[in-house]
Amino acid sequence: MSVTSANRLELLQIADAVAREKMIDPVLVIEAMEESMAKAARSRYGAEYDIRAKIDPKTGELEMTRVRTIVEEVENHFTELTVDDADGLIDAPEVGKEIIEELPPMDFGRIAAQSAKQVIMQKVREAERERQYEEFKDRVGEIINGLVKRVEYGNVIVDVGRGEAVLRRDQLINREGYRNGDRIRAYIRDVRSEVRGPQIFLSRTAPEFMAELFKMEVPEIYDGIIEIKAVARDPGSRAKIGVISYDNSIDPVGACVGMRGSRVQAVVNELQGEKIDIIPWNDDAPTFLVNALQPAEVAKVVFDEDAERIEVVVPDDQLSLAIGRRGQNVRLASQLTGFDIDIMTEAEESERRQAEFTQRSNMFMETMNVDEMVAQLLVSEGFATLEEVAYVELDELLAIDGFDQATAEELQARARESLDEINAKAVEKSRELGVQQDLFDFEGLTPQMILTLAEDGVLSLEEFARCADWELAGGYTTIEGKRVKDEGLLEKYDMALDEAQHLVMTARLQLGWITQEEIDAQNAADEELEGDAETQEAEV
């Protein structure tokens, strides 16, 4: 395989042909040829030598050279030499310079030629993979059409023109089957550059796939007049999609459905008959949830924003419809809204409310020594604790039918007397548990709160100051995508998170752990962050 003047142009022609076929830069092909010829030369002269090849991209002239570096002390005689050894080879030799010696033309031989060919093919494959990755890495989130090339263990290998993509079996819609040569449309979910080349991962089950299909079918979505706010899918079975229109004259649901259902039907056909509920978006979470639970009717919604949980009450005959087959309807509504949903019937809610009513009535009867009618009147008017009765404005008690001045004053006196008795017992038990005086003297904690803290091992102001606000007031932790409730020590006393934070910071201030200036600086920083968040939300 000697490169002579007769085949220099042929060498360039081969490089150009390979570059066009693989759609890569011809320079990369020439570099691969140079590396392969250098490797073949090393196999002839010795692998220890630093032999380099250079091909002129215009003439095809091949130049083979041996390179040695001038060093102070030689460690490798094949690639290094001293200044004295280099004297006479070049002018003014010095450490760090390279001596380049041209090698005579040579016949590479069959084995060397085969080795050179393998190097060229390897380099061309690497360049092709890099080109594929650069082409597809910015196309994540698009829909792509391709041809089924083969099916391996349930995974579909798709020819996407300038590369291959993988559609895993868990990303296929149920009951879908493909054969070689079938046309397929899928969503580019991810593109990764791996050792074996770029991996293009497709999906037909992703919610984004449905959103992109609607964008293709509904011009108003493509133009930005209508926006898809949320999508929830049970692939191949049912889906819910929330849409909003920024033009009051355009109905978002009607636009997505199309004339006689033509637009939505096109999406349904692509998704193997998947039923699609198109729901008008509403920024008010309970209102949007009522829409999302269609076709079920909703009687009442109780929204707990902190817990990101919604309690839904439906008529008894609507329960199965609201839940759906195998919980499908409520599951999709939960995915669409982003909230956990508890569904109960009106009968179940009535039973629960009755149990709470009875419990509170019995509490007032036992602690205040009043008859059942008075206790029920208090509960009916919204009183739930002794503190509310003891310290409420007297006019609120007088507003209850049948309560005169004497009755209201007597009720408050009994509530306060009962509280004093409960607090005295709490203080006594807290002392028995070892609570220190500094915790009793700390303002903001009631005797019952101190007892609860003592039962959990918090016996001094220093131990209280070490508590986190969420440990006192409670909170939520996200575990594997689900919000899990963290019970707070003082949560049963309606301790809010900001109130708990204030108490803890006050305790640390009294102990000298922090200064008032540090607290003020932290509060200012928190307010600034809240202001920035509100500004960003308004801009969105």
Protein backbone atom coordinates (compact mmCIF):
# COMPACT_ATOMS: atom_id res chain seq x y z
CA MET A 1 0.00 0.00 0.00
CA SER A 2 2.53 2.60 -1.08
CA VAL A 3 1.15 6.03 -1.84
CA THR A 4 2.61 7.20 -5.15
CA SER A 5 1.89 10.16 -7.40
CA ALA A 6 -0.50 7.92 -9.38
CA ASN A 7 -2.98 7.50 -6.59
CA ARG A 8 -2.63 10.72 -4.60
CA LEU A 9 -5.72 12.25 -6.20
CA GLU A 10 -7.56 8.96 -5.70
CA LEU A 11 -6.83 9.25 -1.98
CA LEU A 12 -8.50 12.67 -1.87
CA GLN A 13 -11.42 11.40 -3.92
CA ILE A 14 -11.96 8.52 -1.47
CA ALA A 15 -11.90 10.97 1.46
CA ASP A 16 -14.40 13.24 -0.26
CA ALA A 17 -16.71 10.32 -1.16
CA VAL A 18 -16.70 8.94 2.41
CA ALA A 19 -17.38 12.44 3.80
CA ARG A 20 -20.37 12.93 1.49
CA GLU A 21 -21.80 9.48 2.20
CA LYS A 22 -21.53 9.84 5.98
CA MET A 23 -22.30 13.58 5.92
CA ILE A 24 -19.21 14.55 7.90
CA ASP A 25 -16.37 17.03 7.36
CA PRO A 26 -13.79 15.81 4.76
CA VAL A 27 -11.06 17.13 7.05
CA LEU A 28 -12.09 14.51 9.64
CA VAL A 29 -11.70 11.75 7.05
CA ILE A 30 -8.22 13.00 6.06
CA GLU A 31 -7.23 13.16 9.74
CA ALA A 32 -8.39 9.56 10.12
CA MET A 33 -6.28 8.56 7.11
CA GLU A 34 -3.25 10.34 8.57
CA GLU A 35 -3.64 8.54 11.87
CA SER A 36 -4.12 5.19 10.17
CA MET A 37 -0.99 5.61 8.02
CA ALA A 38 1.03 6.67 11.06
CA LYS A 39 -0.15 3.54 12.87
CA ALA A 40 0.76 1.36 9.89
CA ALA A 41 4.24 2.95 9.76
CA ARG A 42 4.77 2.31 13.47
CA SER A 43 3.89 -1.32 12.94
CA ARG A 44 6.71 -1.40 10.33
CA TYR A 45 9.41 0.62 12.12
CA GLY A 46 8.40 -0.04 15.71
CA ALA A 47 5.55 1.03 17.97
CA GLU A 48 7.98 2.90 20.24
CA TYR A 49 8.69 5.58 17.60
CA ASP A 50 6.72 8.84 17.36
CA ILE A 51 5.83 8.65 13.67
CA ARG A 52 3.41 11.12 12.16
CA ALA A 53 1.70 11.30 8.77
CA LYS A 54 0.54 14.44 6.96
CA ILE A 55 -1.61 14.49 3.81
CA ASP A 56 -1.79 17.71 1.78
CA PRO A 57 -5.55 18.31 1.30
CA LYS A 58 -4.93 19.94 -2.10
CA THR A 59 -2.38 17.62 -3.77
CA GLY A 60 -2.78 14.42 -1.78
CA GLU A 61 0.97 14.40 -1.06
CA LEU A 62 1.79 12.09 1.86
CA GLU A 63 4.62 13.07 4.19
CA MET A 64 5.86 10.61 6.84
CA THR A 65 8.08 11.98 9.61
CA ARG A 66 9.78 10.76 12.76
CA VAL A 67 9.70 13.22 15.68
CA ARG A 68 12.11 13.35 18.63
CA THR A 69 12.18 15.88 21.47
CA ILE A 70 15.34 17.40 22.97
CA VAL A 71 15.51 16.81 26.76
CA GLU A 72 18.10 17.19 29.53
CA GLU A 73 18.04 13.51 30.50
CA VAL A 74 16.88 10.82 28.10
CA GLU A 75 14.32 8.34 29.40
CA ASN A 76 13.06 7.01 26.04
CA HIS A 77 15.74 6.67 23.36
CA PHE A 78 13.12 6.22 20.63
CA THR A 79 11.44 9.63 21.13
CA GLU A 80 14.04 11.71 23.03
CA LEU A 81 17.64 12.83 22.70
CA THR A 82 20.04 15.20 24.49
CA VAL A 83 21.30 18.56 23.34
CA ASP A 84 24.71 17.02 22.50
CA ASP A 85 23.10 14.31 20.36
CA ALA A 86 21.06 16.94 18.53
CA ASP A 87 24.11 19.09 17.79
CA GLY A 88 24.64 18.95 14.04
CA LEU A 89 21.08 17.81 13.31
CA ILE A 90 19.61 21.30 13.77
CA ASP A 91 20.97 24.78 14.39
CA ALA A 92 21.07 25.99 18.01
CA PRO A 93 19.56 22.92 19.69
CA GLU A 94 17.90 23.52 23.04
CA VAL A 95 15.69 21.64 25.47
CA GLY A 96 12.07 21.46 24.34
CA LYS A 97 12.70 21.69 20.61
CA GLU A 98 11.56 18.91 18.28
CA ILE A 99 13.70 17.27 15.59
CA ILE A 100 11.60 16.21 12.61
CA GLU A 101 13.14 13.70 10.20
CA GLU A 102 11.40 12.76 6.97
CA LEU A 103 10.99 9.04 6.30
CA PRO A 104 11.39 7.51 2.82
CA PRO A 105 8.33 6.18 0.90
CA MET A 106 7.44 2.68 1.93
CA ASP A 107 5.18 -0.21 1.00
CA PHE A 108 2.86 -0.77 3.94
CA GLY A 109 2.00 -4.39 3.18
CA ARG A 110 -1.32 -6.21 3.45
CA ILE A 111 -1.55 -6.44 7.26
CA ALA A 112 -0.56 -2.81 7.73
CA ALA A 113 -3.07 -1.77 5.09
CA GLN A 114 -5.84 -3.70 6.86
CA SER A 115 -4.91 -2.07 10.15
CA ALA A 116 -5.01 1.35 8.49
CA LYS A 117 -8.44 0.59 7.08
CA GLN A 118 -9.76 -0.33 10.55
CA VAL A 119 -8.46 2.94 12.00
CA ILE A 120 -10.12 4.92 9.22
CA MET A 121 -13.47 3.17 9.72
CA GLN A 122 -13.29 3.68 13.49
CA LYS A 123 -12.57 7.39 13.13
CA VAL A 124 -15.32 7.78 10.53
CA ARG A 125 -17.82 6.05 12.86
CA GLU A 126 -16.83 8.35 15.73
CA ALA A 127 -17.25 11.41 13.52
CA GLU A 128 -20.60 10.13 12.31
CA ARG A 129 -21.81 9.58 15.88
CA GLU A 130 -20.72 13.06 16.88
CA ARG A 131 -22.55 14.49 13.87
CA GLN A 132 -25.72 12.59 14.82
CA TYR A 133 -25.55 13.81 18.41
CA GLU A 134 -25.05 17.44 17.35
CA GLU A 135 -28.01 17.12 14.97
CA PHE A 136 -30.48 15.61 17.44
CA LYS A 137 -29.45 17.08 20.82
CA ASP A 138 -31.41 20.28 20.14
CA ARG A 139 -34.47 18.41 18.89
CA VAL A 140 -35.57 17.06 22.26
CA GLY A 141 -39.27 17.83 22.63
CA GLU A 142 -40.07 17.46 18.92
CA ILE A 143 -42.20 14.88 17.16
CA ILE A 144 -40.30 12.83 14.59
CA ASN A 145 -41.41 10.42 11.88
CA GLY A 146 -39.47 7.27 11.11
CA LEU A 147 -39.55 3.71 9.82
CA VAL A 148 -39.42 0.63 12.00
CA LYS A 149 -36.06 -0.99 11.32
CA ARG A 150 -36.34 -3.94 13.68
CA VAL A 151 -37.87 -5.05 16.98
CA GLU A 152 -35.57 -6.35 19.73
CA TYR A 153 -37.04 -7.82 22.92
CA GLY A 154 -40.11 -5.60 22.59
CA ASN A 155 -38.05 -2.45 21.97
CA VAL A 156 -38.59 -0.81 18.58
CA ILE A 157 -35.52 0.41 16.68
CA VAL A 158 -36.57 3.30 14.45
CA ASP A 159 -34.74 4.64 11.40
CA VAL A 160 -34.98 8.43 11.70
CA GLY A 161 -33.06 9.26 8.54
CA ARG A 162 -29.59 10.13 9.78
CA GLY A 163 -29.48 7.73 12.66
CA GLU A 164 -31.34 5.17 14.72
CA ALA A 165 -33.63 5.84 17.67
CA VAL A 166 -34.95 3.54 20.39
CA LEU A 167 -38.60 3.30 21.40
CA ARG A 168 -38.59 1.18 24.54
CA ARG A 169 -41.51 -1.11 25.16
CA ASP A 170 -42.51 0.83 28.32
CA GLN A 171 -42.85 3.91 26.08
CA LEU A 172 -45.25 2.14 23.72
CA ILE A 173 -49.02 2.48 24.02
CA ASN A 174 -50.69 -0.70 25.20
CA ARG A 175 -51.71 -3.14 22.47
CA GLU A 176 -49.43 -1.44 19.94
CA GLY A 177 -47.48 -3.76 17.66
CA TYR A 178 -45.03 -2.82 14.93
CA ARG A 179 -43.35 -4.74 12.15
CA ASN A 180 -40.33 -3.94 10.01
CA GLY A 181 -41.07 -1.16 7.54
CA ASP A 182 -44.03 0.33 9.45
CA ARG A 183 -44.17 4.11 9.64
CA ILE A 184 -44.14 5.48 13.17
CA ARG A 185 -44.51 8.87 14.82
CA ALA A 186 -43.01 9.50 18.25
CA TYR A 187 -41.78 12.17 20.66
CA ILE A 188 -38.03 12.72 21.15
CA ARG A 189 -37.77 12.34 24.92
CA ASP A 190 -34.00 12.37 25.40
CA VAL A 191 -30.73 12.40 23.45
CA ARG A 192 -27.57 11.23 25.21
CA SER A 193 -24.00 10.84 24.04
CA GLU A 194 -22.73 7.46 25.22
CA VAL A 195 -19.64 5.35 24.57
CA ARG A 196 -21.35 3.36 21.84
CA GLY A 197 -22.64 6.51 20.19
CA PRO A 198 -25.56 8.90 20.51
CA GLN A 199 -28.70 7.32 21.95
CA ILE A 200 -31.99 8.84 20.80
CA PHE A 201 -34.86 7.81 23.06
CA LEU A 202 -38.43 8.12 21.80
CA SER A 203 -41.79 7.95 23.55
CA ARG A 204 -45.43 7.57 22.60
CA THR A 205 -46.71 7.57 26.20
CA ALA A 206 -45.27 10.91 27.36
CA PRO A 207 -47.86 13.63 28.11
CA GLU A 208 -45.78 15.99 25.99
CA PHE A 209 -46.43 13.77 22.95
CA MET A 210 -50.14 14.50 23.18
CA ALA A 211 -49.47 18.22 23.67
CA GLU A 212 -47.30 18.32 20.54
CA LEU A 213 -49.94 16.45 18.54
CA PHE A 214 -52.54 19.04 19.50
CA LYS A 215 -50.09 21.78 18.53
CA MET A 216 -49.87 20.21 15.06
CA GLU A 217 -53.65 19.88 14.71
CA VAL A 218 -54.79 23.15 16.31
CA PRO A 219 -53.37 26.32 14.65
CA GLU A 220 -54.46 28.46 17.62
CA ILE A 221 -52.11 26.47 19.90
CA TYR A 222 -49.24 26.80 17.44
CA ASP A 223 -49.86 30.58 17.22
CA GLY A 224 -49.94 30.93 21.03
CA ILE A 225 -53.57 32.08 21.20
CA ILE A 226 -54.44 28.91 23.11
CA GLU A 227 -52.04 27.35 25.60
CA ILE A 228 -51.94 23.81 26.94
CA LYS A 229 -51.44 24.25 30.68
CA ALA A 230 -51.45 20.63 31.83
CA VAL A 231 -51.74 17.11 30.45
CA ALA A 232 -52.41 13.84 32.27
CA ARG A 233 -52.49 10.48 30.49
CA ASP A 234 -53.29 6.86 31.05
CA PRO A 235 -51.70 5.88 27.70
CA GLY A 236 -54.02 4.08 25.34
CA SER A 237 -57.04 4.44 27.63
CA ARG A 238 -57.89 7.98 28.74
CA ALA A 239 -56.36 11.43 29.03
CA LYS A 240 -57.22 14.88 30.36
CA ILE A 241 -55.82 18.11 28.96
CA GLY A 242 -56.24 21.60 30.43
CA VAL A 243 -56.33 24.51 27.96
CA ILE A 244 -56.71 28.27 28.25
CA SER A 245 -57.42 30.92 25.61
CA TYR A 246 -55.81 34.36 25.63
CA ASP A 247 -58.46 35.66 23.22
CA ASN A 248 -61.91 36.08 24.74
CA SER A 249 -63.53 35.50 21.37
CA ILE A 250 -62.07 31.99 21.04
CA ASP A 251 -63.37 29.03 23.00
CA PRO A 252 -60.32 26.89 23.87
CA VAL A 253 -62.29 23.66 24.21
CA GLY A 254 -64.20 24.18 20.96
CA ALA A 255 -61.02 25.06 19.07
CA CYS A 256 -59.30 21.87 20.26
CA VAL A 257 -62.33 19.73 19.42
CA GLY A 258 -62.67 21.21 15.93
CA MET A 259 -65.54 21.05 13.45
CA ARG A 260 -67.48 17.88 14.23
CA GLY A 261 -64.58 16.72 16.37
CA SER A 262 -62.14 16.57 13.45
CA ARG A 263 -59.13 17.96 15.34
CA VAL A 264 -59.41 15.90 18.48
CA GLN A 265 -60.27 12.82 16.44
CA ALA A 266 -56.99 13.11 14.54
CA VAL A 267 -55.13 12.99 17.87
CA VAL A 268 -57.30 10.12 19.12
CA ASN A 269 -56.55 8.09 16.00
CA GLU A 270 -52.80 8.61 16.44
CA LEU A 271 -53.05 7.46 20.08
CA GLN A 272 -54.87 4.21 19.29
CA GLY A 273 -58.32 5.41 20.35
CA GLU A 274 -57.29 7.06 23.63
CA LYS A 275 -60.29 9.02 24.96
CA ILE A 276 -59.46 12.67 25.63
CA ASP A 277 -61.26 15.04 28.00
CA ILE A 278 -60.54 18.67 27.09
CA ILE A 279 -60.97 20.89 30.16
CA PRO A 280 -60.96 24.71 30.42
CA TRP A 281 -58.10 25.83 32.64
CA ASN A 282 -58.78 27.98 35.71
CA ASP A 283 -56.18 29.54 38.02
CA ASP A 284 -58.49 28.83 40.95
CA ALA A 285 -57.48 25.29 41.95
CA PRO A 286 -60.87 24.14 43.34
CA THR A 287 -62.71 25.42 40.25
CA PHE A 288 -60.25 23.71 37.93
CA LEU A 289 -60.60 20.49 39.93
CA VAL A 290 -64.38 20.55 39.58
CA ASN A 291 -63.89 20.81 35.80
CA ALA A 292 -61.22 18.08 35.85
CA LEU A 293 -63.49 15.59 37.59
CA GLN A 294 -66.06 15.76 34.82
CA PRO A 295 -68.33 14.04 34.00
CA ALA A 296 -68.91 13.61 37.75
CA GLU A 297 -70.82 16.31 39.65
CA VAL A 298 -69.14 17.87 42.69
CA ALA A 299 -71.12 19.10 45.69
CA LYS A 300 -68.33 20.73 47.71
CA VAL A 301 -64.57 21.28 47.62
CA VAL A 302 -62.32 21.88 50.64
CA PHE A 303 -58.84 23.10 49.62
CA ASP A 304 -55.80 22.75 51.91
CA GLU A 305 -53.16 24.82 50.12
CA ASP A 306 -50.33 24.07 52.56
CA ALA A 307 -50.86 20.32 52.26
CA GLU A 308 -51.49 20.57 48.52
CA ARG A 309 -54.52 18.40 49.14
CA ILE A 310 -58.12 18.82 48.05
CA GLU A 311 -61.10 17.16 49.68
CA VAL A 312 -64.02 16.62 47.33
CA VAL A 313 -67.58 15.81 48.36
CA VAL A 314 -69.85 14.26 45.72
CA PRO A 315 -73.45 13.01 45.79
CA ASP A 316 -73.74 9.35 46.73
CA ASP A 317 -74.74 8.32 43.21
CA GLN A 318 -71.72 10.13 41.71
CA LEU A 319 -68.98 8.42 43.72
CA SER A 320 -68.18 5.64 41.24
CA LEU A 321 -68.26 8.12 38.35
CA ALA A 322 -65.90 10.53 40.15
CA ILE A 323 -63.43 7.78 41.01
CA GLY A 324 -63.66 6.10 37.61
CA ARG A 325 -62.80 2.57 36.65
CA ARG A 326 -59.84 1.43 38.77
CA GLY A 327 -59.52 5.00 40.08
CA GLN A 328 -58.66 6.33 36.64
CA ASN A 329 -60.75 9.52 36.70
CA VAL A 330 -59.57 10.78 40.08
CA ARG A 331 -55.97 9.73 39.33
CA LEU A 332 -55.88 11.73 36.10
CA ALA A 333 -57.54 14.71 37.80
CA SER A 334 -54.86 14.54 40.51
CA GLN A 335 -52.06 14.47 37.91
CA LEU A 336 -53.66 17.33 36.02
CA THR A 337 -54.07 19.63 39.03
CA GLY A 338 -50.96 18.55 40.93
CA PHE A 339 -52.92 18.00 44.15
CA ASP A 340 -53.73 14.91 46.18
CA ILE A 341 -57.49 14.34 46.06
CA ASP A 342 -59.67 12.72 48.70
CA ILE A 343 -63.18 11.87 47.53
CA MET A 344 -66.08 11.16 49.87
CA THR A 345 -69.83 11.03 49.54
CA GLU A 346 -72.21 13.49 51.13
CA ALA A 347 -73.29 10.74 53.53
CA GLU A 348 -69.69 10.09 54.62
CA GLU A 349 -69.06 13.80 55.09
CA SER A 350 -72.25 14.17 57.10
CA GLU A 351 -71.20 11.27 59.30
CA ARG A 352 -67.77 12.76 59.88
CA ARG A 353 -69.18 16.20 60.67
CA GLN A 354 -71.63 14.63 63.09
CA ALA A 355 -68.79 12.79 64.85
CA GLU A 356 -66.83 16.06 65.19
CA PHE A 357 -69.95 17.83 66.45
CA THR A 358 -70.53 15.17 69.07
CA GLN A 359 -66.89 15.17 70.17
CA ARG A 360 -66.79 18.94 70.66
CA SER A 361 -70.15 18.98 72.40
CA ASN A 362 -68.98 16.31 74.87
CA MET A 363 -65.78 18.29 75.50
CA PHE A 364 -67.73 21.41 76.47
CA MET A 365 -70.12 19.37 78.61
CA GLU A 366 -67.25 17.71 80.52
CA THR A 367 -64.94 20.69 80.98
CA MET A 368 -67.52 23.46 81.55
CA ASN A 369 -70.22 21.40 83.26
CA VAL A 370 -72.99 22.65 80.95
CA ASP A 371 -75.99 20.76 79.61
CA GLU A 372 -76.11 19.21 76.13
CA MET A 373 -78.20 21.99 74.58
CA VAL A 374 -75.75 24.76 75.59
CA ALA A 375 -72.78 22.71 74.38
CA GLN A 376 -74.43 22.07 71.03
CA LEU A 377 -75.27 25.77 70.66
CA LEU A 378 -71.61 26.67 71.18
CA VAL A 379 -70.45 24.12 68.62
CA SER A 380 -73.11 25.21 66.14
CA GLU A 381 -71.80 28.77 66.37
CA GLY A 382 -68.29 27.62 65.48
CA PHE A 383 -66.65 27.39 68.92
CA ALA A 384 -64.16 24.50 68.99
CA THR A 385 -61.89 25.09 72.03
CA LEU A 386 -62.10 26.34 75.60
CA GLU A 387 -59.77 29.23 74.72
CA GLU A 388 -62.24 30.53 72.15
CA VAL A 389 -65.06 30.61 74.70
CA ALA A 390 -62.89 32.01 77.51
CA TYR A 391 -61.31 34.91 75.65
CA VAL A 392 -63.77 35.80 72.88
CA GLU A 393 -65.47 39.17 72.91
CA LEU A 394 -68.56 38.93 75.11
CA ASP A 395 -70.73 40.32 72.30
CA GLU A 396 -70.11 37.17 70.24
CA LEU A 397 -71.62 35.02 72.98
CA LEU A 398 -74.50 37.44 73.41
CA ALA A 399 -75.26 37.10 69.69
CA ILE A 400 -76.25 33.46 70.25
CA ASP A 401 -80.02 33.06 70.56
CA GLY A 402 -81.03 32.42 74.19
CA PHE A 403 -77.79 33.71 75.75
CA ASP A 404 -78.18 36.76 78.01
CA GLN A 405 -75.49 38.77 79.81
CA ALA A 406 -75.44 36.56 82.85
CA THR A 407 -75.28 33.35 80.81
CA ALA A 408 -72.40 34.63 78.62
CA GLU A 409 -70.39 35.80 81.65
CA GLU A 410 -71.00 32.50 83.45
CA LEU A 411 -69.85 30.51 80.39
CA GLN A 412 -66.65 32.55 80.14
CA ALA A 413 -66.00 32.16 83.87
CA ARG A 414 -66.43 28.39 83.66
CA ALA A 415 -64.21 28.16 80.57
CA ARG A 416 -61.45 30.16 82.27
CA GLU A 417 -61.77 28.14 85.49
CA SER A 418 -61.48 24.91 83.49
CA LEU A 419 -58.47 26.25 81.61
CA ASP A 420 -56.77 27.27 84.87
CA GLU A 421 -57.31 23.77 86.23
CA ILE A 422 -55.96 22.14 83.04
CA ASN A 423 -52.96 24.49 83.00
CA ALA A 424 -52.19 23.84 86.66
CA LYS A 425 -52.14 20.09 86.03
CA ALA A 426 -49.94 20.62 82.94
CA VAL A 427 -47.44 22.71 84.97
CA GLU A 428 -47.33 20.10 87.75
CA LYS A 429 -46.72 17.24 85.34
CA SER A 430 -44.14 19.29 83.40
CA ARG A 431 -42.15 19.88 86.60
CA GLU A 432 -42.28 16.17 87.35
CA LEU A 433 -40.78 15.55 83.90
CA GLY A 434 -37.92 17.98 84.66
CA VAL A 435 -38.83 21.14 82.77
CA GLN A 436 -36.54 24.02 83.74
CA GLN A 437 -37.83 27.41 84.89
CA ASP A 438 -36.48 29.31 81.85
CA LEU A 439 -38.94 27.44 79.62
CA PHE A 440 -41.85 28.33 81.95
CA ASP A 441 -40.77 32.00 81.89
CA PHE A 442 -40.59 32.12 78.09
CA GLU A 443 -43.51 34.10 76.63
CA GLY A 444 -45.55 32.53 73.85
CA LEU A 445 -45.83 28.99 75.22
CA THR A 446 -48.88 27.86 77.18
CA PRO A 447 -48.57 25.29 79.98
CA GLN A 448 -50.17 22.68 77.73
CA MET A 449 -47.63 23.41 75.00
CA ILE A 450 -44.79 23.10 77.52
CA LEU A 451 -46.15 19.73 78.67
CA THR A 452 -46.29 18.50 75.08
CA LEU A 453 -42.68 19.63 74.54
CA ALA A 454 -41.59 17.96 77.80
CA GLU A 455 -43.18 14.67 76.77
CA ASP A 456 -40.97 14.82 73.66
CA GLY A 457 -37.81 15.55 75.67
CA VAL A 458 -37.65 19.36 75.29
CA LEU A 459 -37.03 20.47 78.88
CA SER A 460 -35.19 23.80 78.66
CA LEU A 461 -35.14 27.03 76.65
CA GLU A 462 -31.84 25.95 75.09
CA GLU A 463 -33.35 22.70 73.85
CA PHE A 464 -36.37 24.62 72.55
CA ALA A 465 -34.08 27.05 70.68
CA ARG A 466 -32.50 24.11 68.85
CA CYS A 467 -35.86 23.07 67.38
CA ALA A 468 -36.66 23.82 63.74
CA ASP A 469 -39.84 25.74 62.97
CA TRP A 470 -41.28 22.78 61.01
CA GLU A 471 -40.65 20.47 63.99
CA LEU A 472 -43.03 22.66 66.00
CA ALA A 473 -45.63 23.65 63.42
CA GLY A 474 -45.40 20.64 61.09
CA GLY A 475 -44.87 20.60 57.37
CA TYR A 476 -44.58 18.40 54.32
CA THR A 477 -41.71 16.43 52.80
CA THR A 478 -41.67 15.20 49.20
CA ILE A 479 -40.67 11.52 49.06
CA GLU A 480 -40.62 9.77 45.66
CA GLY A 481 -42.85 12.47 44.19
CA LYS A 482 -45.44 12.28 46.99
CA ARG A 483 -45.95 14.84 49.75
CA VAL A 484 -45.68 13.19 53.18
CA LYS A 485 -47.01 14.92 56.28
CA ASP A 486 -44.55 15.79 59.06
CA GLU A 487 -46.46 16.10 62.33
CA GLY A 488 -45.44 19.13 64.40
CA LEU A 489 -45.12 18.98 68.20
CA LEU A 490 -47.36 22.02 68.66
CA GLU A 491 -49.46 21.59 65.53
CA LYS A 492 -52.53 20.52 67.52
CA TYR A 493 -52.52 23.97 69.13
CA ASP A 494 -52.90 25.58 65.66
CA MET A 495 -49.27 26.73 65.69
CA ALA A 496 -48.51 28.38 62.31
CA LEU A 497 -45.10 28.05 60.68
CA ASP A 498 -44.29 31.78 60.90
CA GLU A 499 -45.36 31.81 64.56
CA ALA A 500 -43.08 28.85 65.31
CA GLN A 501 -40.21 30.58 63.51
CA HIS A 502 -40.75 33.76 65.57
CA LEU A 503 -40.72 31.80 68.86
CA VAL A 504 -37.54 29.92 67.99
CA MET A 505 -35.72 33.08 66.87
CA THR A 506 -36.84 34.89 70.04
CA ALA A 507 -35.48 32.04 72.16
CA ARG A 508 -32.14 32.18 70.33
CA LEU A 509 -32.06 35.96 70.82
CA GLN A 510 -32.63 35.62 74.57
CA LEU A 511 -29.84 33.04 74.79
CA GLY A 512 -27.46 35.35 72.91
CA TRP A 513 -26.99 32.99 69.98
CA ILE A 514 -27.96 35.72 67.52
CA THR A 515 -28.45 39.50 67.54
CA GLN A 516 -31.46 41.61 66.66
CA GLU A 517 -29.50 43.04 63.71
CA GLU A 518 -29.05 39.53 62.29
CA ILE A 519 -32.75 38.83 62.65
CA ASP A 520 -33.65 42.11 60.91
CA ALA A 521 -31.19 41.36 58.08
CA GLN A 522 -32.67 37.88 57.62
CA ASN A 523 -36.23 39.25 57.59
CA ALA A 524 -35.23 41.86 55.00
CA ALA A 525 -33.64 39.17 52.82
CA ASP A 526 -36.78 37.00 53.09
CA GLU A 527 -39.00 39.92 52.10
CA GLU A 528 -36.75 40.66 49.12
CA LEU A 529 -36.95 37.03 47.96
CA GLU A 530 -40.74 37.07 48.28
CA GLY A 531 -40.89 40.29 46.29
CA ASP A 532 -38.71 38.84 43.53
CA ALA A 533 -40.89 35.72 43.38
CA GLU A 534 -44.07 37.79 43.11
CA THR A 535 -42.48 39.92 40.34
CA GLN A 536 -41.46 36.84 38.36
CA GLU A 537 -44.94 35.34 38.76
CA ALA A 538 -46.53 38.58 37.56
CA GLU A 539 -44.22 38.66 34.52
CA VAL A 540 -45.14 35.07 33.67
